[in-house]
Protein backbone atom coordinates (compact mmCIF):
# COMPACT_ATOMS: atom_id res chain seq x y z
CA MET A 1 200.08 79.60 33.10
CA ARG A 2 196.99 79.21 31.31
CA PRO A 3 195.10 75.66 30.32
CA SER A 4 194.79 74.61 26.69
CA ALA A 5 191.05 74.79 25.79
CA THR A 6 190.25 70.77 25.71
CA SER A 7 192.20 70.35 28.74
CA ALA A 8 190.73 69.73 32.27
CA ILE A 9 190.05 73.19 35.05
CA PRO A 10 193.30 73.48 36.82
CA LYS A 11 193.31 74.05 40.36
CA LEU A 12 195.51 76.64 42.26
CA ARG A 13 196.28 74.76 44.99
CA LEU A 14 198.36 77.56 47.79
CA TYR A 15 199.41 76.42 51.24
CA GLY A 16 199.06 78.30 54.42
CA ASP A 17 197.96 82.17 54.26
CA ARG A 18 199.41 83.11 50.15
CA GLN A 19 199.23 86.43 48.60
CA ILE A 20 198.73 87.22 44.97
CA GLU A 21 200.55 89.94 44.23
CA VAL A 22 200.49 92.66 40.55
CA LEU A 23 203.41 95.01 39.11
CA GLU A 24 203.39 98.43 40.46
CA ALA A 25 203.29 100.69 37.41
CA THR A 26 205.80 102.97 38.62
CA SER A 27 207.90 101.31 40.70
CA GLY A 28 207.78 98.75 38.73
CA ASN A 29 207.84 96.55 41.92
CA TYR A 30 205.06 93.72 42.63
CA ALA A 31 202.86 94.80 46.44
CA PRO A 32 199.92 92.59 47.48
CA ALA A 33 197.18 92.43 46.06
CA ILE A 34 194.81 89.92 47.60
CA VAL A 35 195.07 87.98 50.28
CA LEU A 36 193.78 84.58 50.54
CA ALA A 37 192.75 82.52 53.64
CA GLY A 38 191.40 79.51 54.56
CA GLU A 39 189.69 76.83 57.83
CA ASP A 40 190.56 73.72 58.50
CA SER A 41 187.50 71.89 56.91
CA SER A 42 186.09 74.68 55.43
CA VAL A 43 183.71 74.04 52.60
CA ASN A 44 182.14 77.58 51.75
CA ARG A 45 184.09 79.74 49.51
CA LEU A 46 184.09 82.74 47.12
CA GLN A 47 183.35 82.84 43.89
CA VAL A 48 184.64 85.48 41.30
CA THR A 49 182.68 84.92 37.54
CA ALA A 50 183.51 87.19 34.54
CA THR A 51 180.32 87.92 32.90
CA ALA A 52 179.70 89.14 29.15
CA THR A 53 179.77 92.82 27.73
CA GLY A 54 176.61 94.29 29.87
CA ASN A 55 176.80 92.43 32.83
CA ASP A 56 177.82 92.33 36.47
CA VAL A 57 181.27 90.51 37.57
CA LEU A 58 179.82 88.22 39.82
CA LEU A 59 181.41 88.20 44.26
CA GLU A 60 179.58 85.61 44.99
CA SER A 61 179.30 82.85 48.12
CA VAL A 62 179.79 79.23 47.05
CA GLY A 63 179.69 75.97 49.07
CA ASP A 64 178.50 72.99 51.34
CA ASP A 65 176.30 74.98 52.82
CA ALA A 66 172.81 76.26 52.15
CA ASP A 67 172.74 79.65 53.21
CA VAL A 68 176.35 81.11 53.54
CA SER A 69 176.68 84.73 53.86
CA ILE A 70 179.66 87.47 52.48
CA ASN A 71 181.39 89.14 55.08
CA ILE A 72 183.54 92.18 54.02
CA VAL A 73 185.50 93.50 57.08
CA PRO A 74 187.76 96.74 56.72
CA LYS A 75 190.80 97.12 59.02
CA GLY A 76 190.15 99.06 61.95
CA THR A 77 188.31 102.04 61.77
CA GLY A 78 188.38 101.48 57.65
CA VAL A 79 185.26 101.46 56.03
CA VAL A 80 184.02 99.10 52.89
CA ASP A 81 184.14 101.76 49.64
CA VAL A 82 181.91 101.31 46.85
CA ALA A 83 182.32 103.20 43.97
CA SER A 84 178.67 102.71 42.37
CA ILE A 85 175.38 101.32 43.14
CA LEU A 86 176.03 97.71 45.22
CA GLY A 87 173.47 95.09 43.58
CA VAL A 88 173.15 93.09 46.67
CA SER A 89 171.01 89.69 45.47
CA GLY A 90 170.66 89.35 49.56
CA GLU A 91 170.50 90.70 52.77
CA ILE A 92 172.86 93.32 53.79
CA GLU A 93 174.57 93.14 57.37
CA LEU A 94 176.51 95.73 58.79
CA LEU A 95 178.53 94.01 62.23
CA GLY A 96 178.98 96.17 65.34
CA ALA A 97 176.79 98.55 67.09
CA ASN A 98 176.28 101.85 65.05
CA LYS A 99 177.49 101.36 61.55
CA TRP A 100 176.54 104.13 59.46
CA ILE A 101 176.72 104.43 55.15
CA ALA A 102 178.54 107.39 53.49
CA ALA A 103 178.42 109.17 50.81
CA GLU A 104 180.81 110.95 48.58
CA ALA A 105 179.80 115.00 48.45
CA PRO A 106 180.56 117.25 45.48
CA GLY A 107 183.68 118.28 46.72
CA GLY A 108 185.23 114.85 47.10
CA ASP A 109 185.52 114.10 50.52
CA THR A 110 182.94 111.40 51.91
CA PHE A 111 180.74 111.91 54.56
CA PRO A 112 177.62 109.46 56.47
CA VAL A 113 173.98 110.03 55.17
CA ALA A 114 172.66 107.20 57.62
CA ASN A 115 173.24 105.43 61.00
CA PHE A 116 171.77 102.31 61.49
CA THR A 117 171.69 100.67 65.43
CA ALA A 118 170.07 97.29 66.55
CA VAL A 119 169.13 96.53 69.53
CA ASP A 120 169.12 93.25 71.18
CA ASN A 121 166.79 90.47 70.20
CA SER A 122 165.17 93.07 67.77
CA VAL A 123 162.52 91.95 65.58
CA ASN A 124 161.14 94.83 63.64
CA ASN A 125 162.85 97.38 61.36
CA LEU A 126 162.45 99.59 58.65
CA ALA A 127 161.49 98.37 55.09
CA PHE A 128 162.51 100.99 51.38
CA THR A 129 160.27 100.56 49.13
CA SER A 130 161.78 101.36 45.83
CA SER A 131 158.40 102.65 43.11
CA ALA A 132 157.92 103.11 39.57
CA THR A 133 157.53 106.15 37.56
CA GLY A 134 154.29 107.97 38.98
CA ASN A 135 154.54 106.48 42.35
CA PHE A 136 156.23 106.95 45.51
CA PRO A 137 158.76 105.28 47.49
CA GLY A 138 158.54 104.07 50.34
CA ILE A 139 159.82 104.23 53.85
CA ALA A 140 157.76 101.07 55.92
CA ALA A 141 157.97 99.46 59.60
CA ASN A 142 158.44 95.93 58.37
CA GLY A 143 158.98 93.21 61.37
CA THR A 144 157.16 89.90 62.87
CA ASP A 145 155.24 91.67 65.27
CA ASP A 146 151.26 91.82 64.09
CA ASN A 147 151.42 96.63 64.45
CA ILE A 148 154.14 98.32 65.05
CA ASN A 149 154.83 101.69 65.37
CA LEU A 150 156.76 104.59 62.92
CA HIS A 151 158.98 106.34 65.22
CA LEU A 152 160.23 109.67 63.07
CA SER A 153 162.96 111.56 65.37
CA SER A 154 164.32 114.79 65.34
CA LYS A 155 167.27 115.68 67.35
CA GLY A 156 167.23 117.74 69.89
CA THR A 157 164.94 121.24 69.46
CA GLY A 158 165.21 119.88 65.40
CA ASN A 159 162.14 119.60 63.23
CA ILE A 160 161.23 116.77 60.55
CA GLN A 161 160.59 118.58 57.46
CA ALA A 162 159.20 117.31 53.85
CA THR A 163 159.52 118.35 51.18
CA GLY A 164 156.36 118.89 48.38
CA PHE A 165 153.11 116.60 49.95
CA LEU A 166 153.65 114.38 53.41
CA GLN A 167 151.52 111.32 52.68
CA LEU A 168 151.41 109.02 55.47
CA ASP A 169 149.47 105.53 55.60
CA MET A 170 148.05 105.71 58.88
CA ASP A 171 144.46 107.72 61.07
CA SER A 172 146.54 109.35 63.28
CA LEU A 173 149.58 110.93 64.67
CA LYS A 174 150.72 110.85 68.34
CA GLY A 175 152.90 112.96 70.37
CA SER A 176 155.93 112.40 72.07
CA LEU A 177 154.58 110.46 74.91
CA GLY A 178 152.54 108.25 72.90
CA ASP A 179 148.98 110.26 73.16
CA LEU A 180 147.19 110.55 70.00
CA VAL A 181 147.01 114.45 69.13
CA LEU A 182 145.69 114.40 66.32
CA GLU A 183 143.36 111.71 64.46
CA PHE A 184 143.08 111.83 60.46
CA VAL A 185 139.65 110.38 58.76
CA PRO A 186 139.48 109.68 55.54
CA GLN A 187 136.66 109.59 52.72
CA SER A 188 136.29 107.68 50.09
CA SER A 189 137.37 109.98 46.59
CA ALA A 190 137.31 112.54 48.46
CA VAL A 191 138.46 115.66 46.82
CA ASN A 192 138.70 118.48 49.31
CA PHE A 193 140.70 118.83 51.95
CA VAL A 194 141.80 121.06 55.22
CA GLN A 195 144.77 123.28 54.66
CA ILE A 196 147.21 124.88 57.51
CA GLN A 197 149.21 127.29 56.58
CA ASN A 198 151.74 129.53 58.88
CA ASN A 199 152.32 133.23 58.16
CA THR A 200 154.29 136.21 58.89
CA THR A 201 155.09 138.34 61.54
CA GLY A 202 151.50 140.07 62.71
CA ASN A 203 149.68 137.56 60.21
CA PRO A 204 147.43 134.89 61.77
CA ALA A 205 147.71 131.11 60.82
CA VAL A 206 144.98 129.87 58.58
CA ILE A 207 143.34 126.95 58.44
CA ALA A 208 141.79 127.02 55.58
CA ALA A 209 139.54 124.66 53.54
CA ALA A 210 140.55 123.62 49.78
CA GLY A 211 140.24 121.38 47.23
CA THR A 212 138.63 121.04 43.83
CA ASP A 213 135.03 122.10 44.65
CA SER A 214 134.06 125.52 44.20
CA ASP A 215 133.13 126.37 47.41
CA ILE A 216 134.28 124.46 50.64
CA GLY A 217 133.51 125.30 54.37
CA ILE A 218 134.86 123.80 56.98
CA THR A 219 133.11 122.05 59.89
CA LEU A 220 134.12 121.98 63.54
CA THR A 221 132.33 119.18 65.49
CA PRO A 222 132.47 119.24 68.92
CA LYS A 223 131.88 115.33 71.09
CA GLY A 224 128.84 115.57 72.73
CA ILE A 225 128.29 118.42 74.63
CA GLY A 226 131.67 120.13 74.83
CA GLY A 227 132.33 123.40 72.41
CA VAL A 228 134.75 124.57 70.20
CA THR A 229 137.01 126.91 71.84
CA ALA A 230 138.91 130.39 70.73
CA ASN A 231 141.18 131.55 73.11
CA SER A 232 141.25 134.99 71.31
CA GLU A 233 139.40 136.72 68.21
CA LEU A 234 138.14 133.95 66.42
CA PHE A 235 138.17 135.07 62.65
CA VAL A 236 135.95 134.05 60.18
CA ALA A 237 136.59 134.48 56.19
CA SER A 238 133.06 133.53 55.33
CA ASN A 239 129.10 132.41 56.90
CA LEU A 240 129.60 130.63 60.47
CA VAL A 241 126.90 128.08 60.56
CA PHE A 242 126.07 125.86 64.44
CA GLN A 243 124.86 123.14 62.94
CA THR A 244 122.84 122.54 66.43
CA ALA A 245 119.22 123.99 68.34
CA ASP A 246 119.88 126.34 70.93
CA SER A 247 123.66 126.34 70.17
CA GLU A 248 125.30 129.17 72.27
CA ILE A 249 129.02 131.36 72.10
CA TRP A 250 130.87 131.27 75.70
CA VAL A 251 132.66 133.68 76.87
CA GLU A 252 135.56 133.59 79.83
CA SER A 253 134.53 135.10 83.21
CA PRO A 254 137.80 136.31 85.04
CA SER A 255 135.81 134.05 88.49
CA THR A 256 133.91 131.21 87.39
CA GLY A 257 135.32 130.09 83.82
CA GLY A 258 133.65 129.61 80.39
CA LYS A 259 129.69 131.06 80.61
CA ALA A 260 127.08 131.17 78.27
CA ALA A 261 126.80 134.71 77.00
CA VAL A 262 124.64 134.62 73.62
CA LYS A 263 122.11 132.06 72.85
CA LEU A 264 121.63 131.26 69.13
CA SER A 265 118.19 129.57 67.37
CA ALA A 266 117.10 129.72 64.42
CA GLU A 267 112.69 128.43 62.88
CA ASP A 268 112.37 126.19 59.83
CA ASN A 269 112.69 128.37 56.59
CA ALA A 270 113.72 131.76 58.69
CA VAL A 271 114.85 134.10 56.28
CA ASN A 272 114.94 136.96 58.55
CA ASN A 273 117.64 137.95 60.98
CA VAL A 274 119.58 140.18 63.45
CA GLN A 275 122.49 142.15 62.18
CA LEU A 276 125.10 143.10 64.19
CA THR A 277 127.22 146.11 62.30
CA GLY A 278 130.32 147.23 64.24
CA THR A 279 131.37 150.97 63.64
CA ALA A 280 134.52 152.61 63.30
CA THR A 281 135.59 155.41 65.48
CA GLY A 282 132.96 158.06 66.52
CA ASN A 283 130.14 155.58 64.98
CA ASN A 284 128.08 153.54 66.54
CA PRO A 285 127.50 149.89 66.62
CA THR A 286 124.15 148.89 65.36
CA ILE A 287 121.63 145.87 65.97
CA ALA A 288 119.16 145.57 63.05
CA ALA A 289 116.62 143.36 61.21
CA ALA A 290 118.12 141.64 58.35
CA GLY A 291 116.87 139.33 55.37
CA THR A 292 114.47 138.25 52.55
CA ASP A 293 111.28 140.04 53.63
CA SER A 294 110.71 144.10 52.68
CA ASP A 295 109.38 144.78 56.41
CA ILE A 296 111.10 143.17 59.11
CA SER A 297 110.56 144.62 62.75
CA LEU A 298 112.90 144.01 65.49
CA ASN A 299 111.83 142.06 69.06
CA LEU A 300 113.04 142.77 72.15
CA THR A 301 111.62 140.22 74.87
CA SER A 302 112.43 140.07 78.47
CA LYS A 303 112.05 136.41 80.33
CA GLY A 304 109.56 136.56 82.87
CA THR A 305 109.00 139.81 84.91
CA GLY A 306 112.54 140.95 83.73
CA THR A 307 112.39 144.38 81.53
CA VAL A 308 114.17 145.88 78.30
CA GLN A 309 116.78 147.96 79.59
CA VAL A 310 118.87 150.90 78.33
CA ASN A 311 121.58 151.89 80.63
CA GLY A 312 120.61 150.14 83.51
CA THR A 313 117.02 151.22 82.77
CA ALA A 314 113.63 150.21 81.58
CA LEU A 315 113.13 150.68 78.24
CA VAL A 316 110.20 152.76 78.15
CA GLY A 317 107.08 151.93 76.17
CA ALA A 318 108.72 148.56 75.64
CA ASP A 319 105.26 146.88 75.77
CA TYR A 320 102.61 148.22 74.18
CA ALA A 321 99.36 147.51 73.38
CA GLY A 322 95.96 148.90 72.21
CA MET A 323 92.39 148.40 70.49
CA SER A 324 90.65 150.88 69.01
CA VAL A 325 87.27 152.18 67.05
CA ASP A 326 87.23 155.17 64.79
CA ASP A 327 84.66 157.65 64.82
CA ASN A 328 83.20 156.65 61.31
CA ALA A 329 82.60 152.75 62.98
CA THR A 330 79.42 151.54 63.25
CA GLU A 331 77.81 152.47 66.86
CA THR A 332 77.14 150.25 69.22
CA THR A 333 74.32 150.54 71.88
CA PHE A 334 74.44 149.05 75.35
CA GLN A 335 71.45 148.45 76.75
CA LEU A 336 72.26 148.21 80.43
CA THR A 337 70.71 146.93 83.72
CA GLN A 338 71.81 147.21 86.82
CA VAL A 339 75.10 145.20 86.80
CA LEU A 340 78.59 146.38 84.97
CA THR A 341 78.62 145.36 81.49
CA LYS A 342 81.72 144.93 78.96
CA ILE A 343 82.60 147.77 76.23
CA SER A 344 83.04 145.11 73.33
CA VAL A 345 83.00 147.40 70.26
CA PHE A 346 86.86 147.25 69.21
CA ASP A 347 87.81 146.14 65.60
CA THR A 348 90.77 146.87 64.67
CA ASN A 349 93.90 146.53 66.64
CA GLY A 350 97.12 149.19 67.32
CA PRO A 351 100.37 148.99 67.13
CA ASN A 352 101.43 146.52 70.38
CA SER A 353 104.40 144.65 71.19
CA GLY A 354 104.58 141.88 74.48
CA SER A 355 101.59 142.40 75.10
CA THR A 356 98.86 141.61 73.32
CA PRO A 357 95.42 142.88 72.34
CA ASP A 358 92.59 140.70 70.90
CA GLN A 359 89.36 142.94 69.91
CA THR A 360 87.13 139.74 69.05
CA ARG A 361 87.81 139.13 72.91
CA SER A 362 87.90 143.22 73.61
CA GLU A 363 90.60 142.70 76.03
CA ILE A 364 94.32 143.31 76.49
CA THR A 365 96.75 140.33 77.69
CA ILE A 366 99.40 141.60 79.93
CA GLY A 367 102.64 140.93 78.56
CA ALA A 368 104.79 141.06 81.37
CA THR A 369 104.40 142.21 85.19
CA GLY A 370 104.99 145.94 86.13
CA ASP A 371 103.99 149.35 86.20
CA TYR A 372 101.71 150.54 82.92
CA GLU A 373 99.83 153.68 81.76
CA ILE A 374 96.29 153.08 81.02
CA THR A 375 94.90 155.67 78.50
CA PHE A 376 90.78 155.00 77.69
CA THR A 377 88.84 157.31 75.05
CA GLY A 378 85.87 157.78 73.85
CA SER A 379 82.12 159.16 72.84
CA GLY A 380 79.47 158.14 73.24
CA SER A 381 75.76 159.16 74.06
CA SER A 382 72.53 158.69 76.11
CA SER A 383 69.12 157.95 75.07
CA GLY A 384 67.87 159.79 78.08
CA THR A 385 67.78 162.83 79.91
CA ASN A 386 70.88 164.17 82.62
CA LYS A 387 72.22 160.08 82.84
CA THR A 388 75.09 159.61 84.45
CA TYR A 389 77.57 156.42 83.65
CA GLU A 390 80.53 155.36 84.80
CA ILE A 391 83.39 153.44 82.88
CA PHE A 392 86.23 151.27 84.36
CA ALA A 393 88.74 149.32 83.14
CA TYR A 394 89.36 145.82 85.11
CA GLN A 395 92.32 143.46 85.36
CA LEU A 396 90.86 140.02 84.77
CA GLU A 397 92.44 136.65 86.52
CA ALA A 398 93.12 133.13 84.82
CA THR A 399 89.68 131.67 84.03
CA THR A 400 87.97 129.40 85.42
CA ALA A 401 85.23 126.87 83.85
CA ILE A 402 81.50 127.02 84.92
CA THR A 403 80.13 123.46 84.85
CA GLY A 404 76.42 124.75 86.01
CA ILE A 405 73.95 127.73 87.17
CA THR A 406 71.42 126.46 88.48
CA ALA A 407 67.46 128.73 87.49
CA ALA A 408 67.00 130.36 90.76
CA ASN A 409 66.94 133.07 93.31
CA PRO A 410 69.57 133.58 93.65
CA GLY A 411 71.25 131.11 91.00
CA VAL A 412 73.71 129.48 91.93
CA VAL A 413 77.10 128.75 90.32
CA THR A 414 79.26 125.66 90.05
CA ALA A 415 82.74 126.38 89.38
CA ALA A 416 85.20 123.71 90.65
CA GLY A 417 88.23 125.42 92.51
CA HIS A 418 87.66 128.90 92.08
CA GLY A 419 89.28 130.18 94.55
CA LEU A 420 87.05 133.16 95.45
CA SER A 421 85.61 134.99 98.97
CA ASN A 422 83.05 136.94 99.29
CA GLY A 423 82.58 140.62 97.73
CA ASP A 424 85.38 139.99 95.21
CA MET A 425 84.46 140.71 91.75
CA VAL A 426 84.07 138.50 88.48
CA ALA A 427 83.51 139.08 84.85
CA ILE A 428 81.56 135.49 83.60
CA LYS A 429 81.47 134.75 79.89
CA ASP A 430 80.91 131.99 77.09
CA ILE A 431 78.32 130.12 79.11
CA VAL A 432 75.78 128.40 76.80
CA GLY A 433 72.26 128.52 77.67
CA MET A 434 71.92 130.89 79.70
CA VAL A 435 73.49 133.96 77.97
CA GLU A 436 71.72 136.89 80.25
CA LEU A 437 75.17 136.61 82.31
CA ASN A 438 77.30 136.72 79.71
CA ASP A 439 79.80 139.53 79.72
CA GLN A 440 78.87 141.13 82.79
CA MET A 441 80.55 141.45 85.67
CA PHE A 442 78.78 140.96 89.47
CA GLU A 443 79.74 140.45 92.87
CA VAL A 444 80.79 137.13 94.38
CA ALA A 445 78.30 135.95 97.48
CA GLY A 446 76.85 132.69 98.96
CA VAL A 447 80.75 131.07 98.71
CA SER A 448 80.18 127.58 99.59
CA GLY A 449 82.93 125.02 98.42
CA ASP A 450 82.87 125.35 94.90
CA THR A 451 79.31 127.35 94.66
CA PHE A 452 78.71 130.69 94.95
CA THR A 453 76.05 133.40 94.29
CA LEU A 454 76.37 136.13 92.29
CA LYS A 455 74.23 140.00 92.77
CA ASP A 456 74.27 143.36 91.25
CA ASP A 457 76.73 146.48 91.76
CA GLY A 458 73.30 147.69 93.82
CA GLY A 459 74.07 144.54 95.72
CA THR A 460 70.87 142.45 95.06
CA ASP A 461 70.73 139.16 94.10
CA ILE A 462 70.54 137.81 90.40
CA ASN A 463 67.70 135.80 89.61
CA THR A 464 68.13 132.92 87.44
CA SER A 465 64.84 131.79 87.18
CA GLY A 466 63.62 133.82 84.34
CA TYR A 467 66.60 132.86 82.30
CA THR A 468 67.31 130.80 79.96
CA ALA A 469 68.13 127.04 81.15
CA TYR A 470 72.34 127.11 80.87
CA SER A 471 73.35 124.40 78.80
CA SER A 472 76.72 123.99 79.17
CA ALA A 473 80.46 125.78 79.20
CA GLY A 474 80.93 128.80 80.25
CA SER A 475 83.95 130.46 82.80
CA VAL A 476 84.58 132.65 85.45
CA GLN A 477 87.53 135.22 85.81
CA LYS A 478 87.93 137.45 89.29
CA ALA A 479 88.20 141.30 88.71
CA LEU A 480 90.69 143.66 90.39
CA GLU A 481 89.38 147.39 89.19
CA THR A 482 91.96 149.14 88.51
CA THR A 483 91.88 152.86 88.86
CA CYS A 484 91.23 154.51 85.23
CA HIS A 485 87.89 155.33 85.70
CA ALA A 486 85.72 157.56 83.18
CA HIS A 487 82.56 159.29 84.44
CA ARG A 488 80.12 161.77 82.68
CA LYS A 489 77.11 162.76 83.19
CA PHE A 490 74.82 163.10 79.24
CA ALA A 491 72.59 166.43 79.86
CA VAL A 492 70.28 166.29 76.34
CA THR A 493 69.21 163.03 75.09
CA GLY A 494 71.35 162.08 71.66
CA ASP A 495 74.10 164.37 72.66
CA VAL A 496 77.70 163.70 72.24
CA GLY A 497 79.90 164.10 74.45
CA ASN A 498 83.64 162.47 75.09
CA LEU A 499 84.67 160.05 78.22
CA GLY A 500 88.00 159.68 78.97
CA SER A 501 90.78 158.46 81.78
CA SER A 502 94.74 157.74 82.35
CA THR A 503 96.53 155.91 85.34
CA ILE A 504 98.86 154.25 86.03
CA ALA A 505 98.52 150.39 88.21
CA ASN A 506 100.48 147.68 87.96
CA LEU A 507 99.55 145.10 86.24
CA THR A 508 100.42 140.69 86.22
CA SER A 509 101.56 139.05 83.67
CA GLY A 510 98.89 136.82 81.88
CA ASN A 511 96.52 138.72 83.71
CA PHE A 512 93.65 140.49 81.13
CA LEU A 513 92.61 144.05 80.81
CA GLN A 514 88.31 144.92 79.25
CA LEU A 515 86.52 147.93 79.89
CA TYR A 516 83.36 147.63 81.66
CA VAL A 517 80.31 150.39 81.23
CA SER A 518 77.57 150.47 84.35
CA ASN A 519 74.37 153.09 84.50
CA VAL A 520 74.64 155.37 87.28
CA THR A 521 71.38 156.78 87.27
CA ASP A 522 69.33 153.69 86.12
CA THR A 523 68.57 151.06 83.02
CA THR A 524 69.04 153.76 80.22
CA ALA A 525 71.15 152.67 77.55
CA LEU A 526 74.32 154.06 75.94
CA THR A 527 75.36 154.50 72.60
CA MET A 528 79.38 154.57 72.08
CA GLU A 529 79.92 156.02 68.70
CA SER A 530 84.44 156.07 69.61
CA ALA A 531 86.58 154.30 72.10
CA ASN A 532 90.52 153.70 72.47
CA LEU A 533 92.42 151.88 74.99
CA CYS A 534 95.70 151.65 74.91
CA LEU A 535 98.54 149.94 77.58
CA LYS A 536 101.74 151.14 77.67
CA ARG A 537 104.39 149.54 80.01
CA LEU A 538 106.63 152.05 82.39
CA GLY A 539 108.91 149.55 84.58
């Protein structure tokens, strides 16, 4: 029945459950197409609205209630099929547990593509967000809670795969137990990043720096005093930089775990370094000095009284020092008294390592405790006939400050805490005022507390009453005689003769080695034309 355009809108009233039938095209029979059912006192209903070209036909719920849902309920295990896009102005609610959405595959069959499960009293859910061109669509956690994790879970031993870039709007990843596994720290305007690459059989996986910069380092930073651990070989494609002073490389000990094997230190503005080179079969690996300087020595230094060893044996000559004056140097004449006088003619350094020569003091500082070969050679002449001279190498201990010397016979020396005993040999130097005692060796006598007196090598007290008055400074050193002892008699005045001696002695680190000369015959002067003092460590 079609009403006229001017008549009131007709109402079709069907009593009971009624159906709308349509004529079947093939059989010519009428078959039910829509079954309409109403409830007592119903106030809500479906409204179907036809529309103009280009607009969608509307199926909507209307009625007296403010919020009215539409339930589409299939029968039994049937489904709701949508032939195209489903436009919904509100929410889609799937009634029942474990509901799914299916799509038709290219072959024409329909398969589930999404399964939905809800828990009782759930308040959190997933939000799917589309986006405009150039932006990412999003899958986000949503709900009434303030902080909601998003759980992506594979089945069994399956994986979660991402094609292209995986952008995560979070700063950490947690494991299956909920513990933090990986934390991300984004930087504003960042252009460089870490690239993790898998690899084929026999090739290592790669952690690499990538980005727009041409040269990009990778910084591995432990927390506190923690370290960076490599369970096998560590392959580095460029320089390996330690950003803390005195960094250590540890190696796993079979019994006690990781222990420091190498300690690395650098000086400010360093340009020279140690180069370690591995070699092919049949060639020796090398340890070499390298850097920008043209000539670079390589210093191997043991700790304390330790030695530098090769195959378990102390390296002979690893500690060497020398001082010399050549034959063309200015001759030096020693006007001798009845005491041992220091030979102070050295004006150049010889090569040295470990022990240090000081030509200004004519002494060698012992670099490490151990056995040394001491060698003295020289030449000189006497200003008299049949004069005999002796030259001794002495090991001098640390200095003790002198604070006073009396002008008396014998003169009394004050040096607090000197620790000397009667009969000890001592060297005195650097006195201001009573300079007559400087650079000579005496025997200690009359020890009393912090004071003592001096004797010459003939046992006579040193009378200082005629000396220049003591002013300040000065020091005393206990002297230990070595067996390096040269003895020479000059028969003719002005005749040049050689002197020399070599011996083995045990010397102590921090002590000093000096030469002293004495005239056995009288006080006739000795003129030194050359002198060489050499020290070589034996182990």
